[in-house]
Amino acid sequence: MDYAADSNNLKVFVAGRSDTGTWRAEEGGRVCFEFKVFPSACNDIRLVGQDVYARRANGDVVPVTVSR
């Protein structure tokens, strides 16, 4: 995912498909995504040491790659 600072320019690429939308941060480390085509969802984001993880709505925990 490619986040824009203004939250209005989210780009997602999954398995050769792409979508755009918006994101918002909520209390407690939750980030919610609203897409045009893909299903919208909220993920819990956690920092463990220097690693970032997301717990998806389906319960899967996945590492998050942070590009700087």
C-alpha atoms as a PDB file:
ATOM      1  CA  MET A   1       0.000   0.000   0.000  1.00  0.00           C
ATOM      2  CA  ASP A   2       1.141   3.493  -0.715  1.00  0.00           C
ATOM      3  CA  TYR A   3      -0.174   5.992   1.850  1.00  0.00           C
ATOM      4  CA  ALA A   4      -0.426   9.711   1.204  1.00  0.00           C
ATOM      5  CA  ALA A   5      -0.090  12.078   4.152  1.00  0.00           C
ATOM      6  CA  ASP A   6      -3.475  13.660   3.410  1.00  0.00           C
ATOM      7  CA  SER A   7      -5.258  10.260   3.559  1.00  0.00           C
ATOM      8  CA  ASN A   8      -7.054  10.904   0.271  1.00  0.00           C
ATOM      9  CA  ASN A   9      -4.609   9.163  -2.050  1.00  0.00           C
ATOM     10  CA  LEU A  10      -4.268   5.481  -1.147  1.00  0.00           C
ATOM     11  CA  LYS A  11      -3.035   3.095  -3.854  1.00  0.00           C
ATOM     12  CA  VAL A  12      -3.172  -0.680  -3.412  1.00  0.00           C
ATOM     13  CA  PHE A  13      -1.679  -3.386  -5.631  1.00  0.00           C
ATOM     14  CA  VAL A  14      -2.715  -7.013  -4.998  1.00  0.00           C
ATOM     15  CA  ALA A  15      -2.142  -9.997  -7.282  1.00  0.00           C
ATOM     16  CA  GLY A  16      -1.902  -7.903 -10.431  1.00  0.00           C
ATOM     17  CA  ARG A  17      -4.949  -5.784  -9.588  1.00  0.00           C
ATOM     18  CA  SER A  18      -5.042  -2.260  -8.213  1.00  0.00           C
ATOM     19  CA  ASP A  19      -7.469   0.038  -6.440  1.00  0.00           C
ATOM     20  CA  THR A  20      -7.530   3.501  -4.916  1.00  0.00           C
ATOM     21  CA  GLY A  21      -9.253   4.945  -1.899  1.00  0.00           C
ATOM     22  CA  THR A  22      -8.787   6.709   1.407  1.00  0.00           C
ATOM     23  CA  TRP A  23      -7.561   5.810   4.876  1.00  0.00           C
ATOM     24  CA  ARG A  24      -8.079   7.138   8.390  1.00  0.00           C
ATOM     25  CA  ALA A  25      -6.432   6.513  11.741  1.00  0.00           C
ATOM     26  CA  GLU A  26      -8.576   5.688  14.759  1.00  0.00           C
ATOM     27  CA  GLU A  27      -7.885   5.475  18.488  1.00  0.00           C
ATOM     28  CA  GLY A  28      -5.851   2.522  19.696  1.00  0.00           C
ATOM     29  CA  GLY A  29      -3.707   1.970  16.609  1.00  0.00           C
ATOM     30  CA  ARG A  30      -6.476   1.095  14.191  1.00  0.00           C
ATOM     31  CA  VAL A  31      -6.269   2.125  10.521  1.00  0.00           C
ATOM     32  CA  CYS A  32      -9.365   1.939   8.323  1.00  0.00           C
ATOM     33  CA  PHE A  33      -9.395   1.802   4.534  1.00  0.00           C
ATOM     34  CA  GLU A  34     -12.207   2.733   2.148  1.00  0.00           C
ATOM     35  CA  PHE A  35     -11.647   1.419  -1.376  1.00  0.00           C
ATOM     36  CA  LYS A  36     -13.512   1.907  -4.644  1.00  0.00           C
ATOM     37  CA  VAL A  37     -13.372  -1.761  -5.750  1.00  0.00           C
ATOM     38  CA  PHE A  38     -11.756  -3.900  -3.018  1.00  0.00           C
ATOM     39  CA  PRO A  39     -13.689  -4.564   0.213  1.00  0.00           C
ATOM     40  CA  SER A  40     -13.143  -1.843   2.822  1.00  0.00           C
ATOM     41  CA  ALA A  41     -11.698  -2.876   6.189  1.00  0.00           C
ATOM     42  CA  CYS A  42      -9.954  -1.785   9.384  1.00  0.00           C
ATOM     43  CA  ASN A  43      -6.635  -3.212  10.644  1.00  0.00           C
ATOM     44  CA  ASP A  44      -4.963  -2.985  14.040  1.00  0.00           C
ATOM     45  CA  ILE A  45      -1.377  -1.751  13.669  1.00  0.00           C
ATOM     46  CA  ARG A  46       1.271  -2.684  16.257  1.00  0.00           C
ATOM     47  CA  LEU A  47       4.947  -1.893  16.695  1.00  0.00           C
ATOM     48  CA  VAL A  48       7.045  -4.758  18.109  1.00  0.00           C
ATOM     49  CA  GLY A  49      10.609  -3.565  18.570  1.00  0.00           C
ATOM     50  CA  GLN A  50      11.366  -2.021  15.197  1.00  0.00           C
ATOM     51  CA  ASP A  51       8.915  -4.253  13.308  1.00  0.00           C
ATOM     52  CA  VAL A  52       5.401  -3.169  12.319  1.00  0.00           C
ATOM     53  CA  TYR A  53       2.522  -5.670  12.111  1.00  0.00           C
ATOM     54  CA  ALA A  54      -1.096  -5.432  11.011  1.00  0.00           C
ATOM     55  CA  ARG A  55      -3.879  -7.633  12.337  1.00  0.00           C
ATOM     56  CA  ARG A  56      -6.421  -7.829   9.551  1.00  0.00           C
ATOM     57  CA  ALA A  57     -10.182  -7.996  10.014  1.00  0.00           C
ATOM     58  CA  ASN A  58     -10.018 -11.778   9.410  1.00  0.00           C
ATOM     59  CA  GLY A  59      -7.520 -12.198  12.287  1.00  0.00           C
ATOM     60  CA  ASP A  60      -4.402 -12.754  10.169  1.00  0.00           C
ATOM     61  CA  VAL A  61      -1.279 -10.986  11.459  1.00  0.00           C
ATOM     62  CA  VAL A  62       1.064  -9.825   8.710  1.00  0.00           C
ATOM     63  CA  PRO A  63       4.287  -7.796   8.681  1.00  0.00           C
ATOM     64  CA  VAL A  64       4.087  -4.279   7.270  1.00  0.00           C
ATOM     65  CA  THR A  65       6.937  -3.019   5.112  1.00  0.00           C
ATOM     66  CA  VAL A  66       7.691   0.623   5.782  1.00  0.00           C
ATOM     67  CA  SER A  67       9.281   2.481   2.869  1.00  0.00           C
ATOM     68  CA  ARG A  68      11.110   5.659   3.700  1.00  0.00           C
END
